[in-house]
Amino acid sequence: MGNATQQTVPHPTQFYRLPSIKQKFQVSGSTIWSWIKQGKFPRGIKISDNVTVWESQAIERWAADRIAASQAGK
């Protein structure tokens, strides 16, 4: 048996668009944009003039942080 090299296959980056985020958190688009302006929500990635996306990991991390802050009484 030879030395088998195990390669890690990177997971493709997943993205959310605004309608998915609105549905996920049950808030309006204007609330999300307001949170972004206030620095309370991750900034999106502009992929074209009319399309902004958010990395799913950043959104899930933000949600986990909000849950932790809520449970800590913040």
Protein backbone atom coordinates (compact mmCIF):
# COMPACT_ATOMS: atom_id res chain seq x y z
CA MET A 1 0.00 0.00 0.00
CA GLY A 2 1.29 3.41 -0.94
CA ASN A 3 0.97 6.67 0.85
CA ALA A 4 -2.49 7.98 0.13
CA THR A 5 -2.76 11.71 0.41
CA GLN A 6 -6.06 12.93 1.66
CA GLN A 7 -7.13 16.16 0.07
CA THR A 8 -9.71 18.38 1.59
CA VAL A 9 -12.41 19.46 -0.75
CA PRO A 10 -13.40 23.02 0.09
CA HIS A 11 -17.07 23.60 0.64
CA PRO A 12 -18.46 26.09 -1.81
CA THR A 13 -19.46 29.36 -0.22
CA GLN A 14 -23.21 29.64 0.21
CA PHE A 15 -25.02 32.95 -0.05
CA TYR A 16 -28.33 34.42 1.06
CA ARG A 17 -30.18 37.05 -0.91
CA LEU A 18 -32.42 39.63 0.76
CA PRO A 19 -35.74 37.73 0.38
CA SER A 20 -34.22 34.72 2.15
CA ILE A 21 -32.92 36.84 5.01
CA LYS A 22 -36.24 38.63 5.38
CA GLN A 23 -38.02 35.28 5.59
CA LYS A 24 -35.43 33.73 7.91
CA PHE A 25 -35.69 36.52 10.48
CA GLN A 26 -39.26 37.67 9.78
CA VAL A 27 -38.26 41.30 9.33
CA SER A 28 -38.61 43.79 6.50
CA GLY A 29 -35.89 44.73 4.07
CA SER A 30 -35.85 48.25 5.48
CA THR A 31 -35.13 46.81 8.95
CA ILE A 32 -32.18 44.85 7.59
CA TRP A 33 -30.79 47.90 5.75
CA SER A 34 -31.26 49.97 8.93
CA TRP A 35 -29.38 47.37 10.98
CA ILE A 36 -26.55 47.48 8.43
CA LYS A 37 -26.34 51.28 8.64
CA GLN A 38 -26.21 51.01 12.44
CA GLY A 39 -23.48 48.36 12.28
CA LYS A 40 -25.78 45.73 13.83
CA PHE A 41 -25.90 43.34 10.84
CA PRO A 42 -23.22 42.00 8.50
CA ARG A 43 -22.61 44.02 5.36
CA GLY A 44 -23.53 42.31 2.15
CA ILE A 45 -21.41 41.65 -0.90
CA LYS A 46 -22.47 43.59 -3.97
CA ILE A 47 -22.19 41.20 -6.92
CA SER A 48 -23.85 43.51 -9.44
CA ASP A 49 -25.57 46.89 -9.53
CA ASN A 50 -28.86 45.47 -8.25
CA VAL A 51 -27.81 42.34 -6.39
CA THR A 52 -26.40 42.06 -2.88
CA VAL A 53 -25.72 38.73 -1.19
CA TRP A 54 -24.60 37.71 2.30
CA GLU A 55 -22.30 34.83 3.15
CA SER A 56 -24.34 32.21 4.96
CA GLN A 57 -21.59 31.69 7.57
CA ALA A 58 -21.64 35.38 8.49
CA ILE A 59 -25.43 35.34 8.85
CA GLU A 60 -25.46 32.14 10.92
CA ARG A 61 -22.68 33.53 13.15
CA TRP A 62 -24.65 36.78 13.59
CA ALA A 63 -27.79 34.81 14.55
CA ALA A 64 -25.83 32.67 17.04
CA ASP A 65 -24.35 35.82 18.58
CA ARG A 66 -27.82 37.36 18.93
CA ILE A 67 -29.10 34.19 20.61
CA ALA A 68 -26.15 34.17 23.02
CA ALA A 69 -26.61 37.88 23.82
CA SER A 70 -30.31 37.35 24.43
CA GLN A 71 -29.66 34.45 26.80
CA ALA A 72 -27.02 36.50 28.62
CA GLY A 73 -29.58 39.25 29.17
CA LYS A 74 -27.95 41.81 26.87
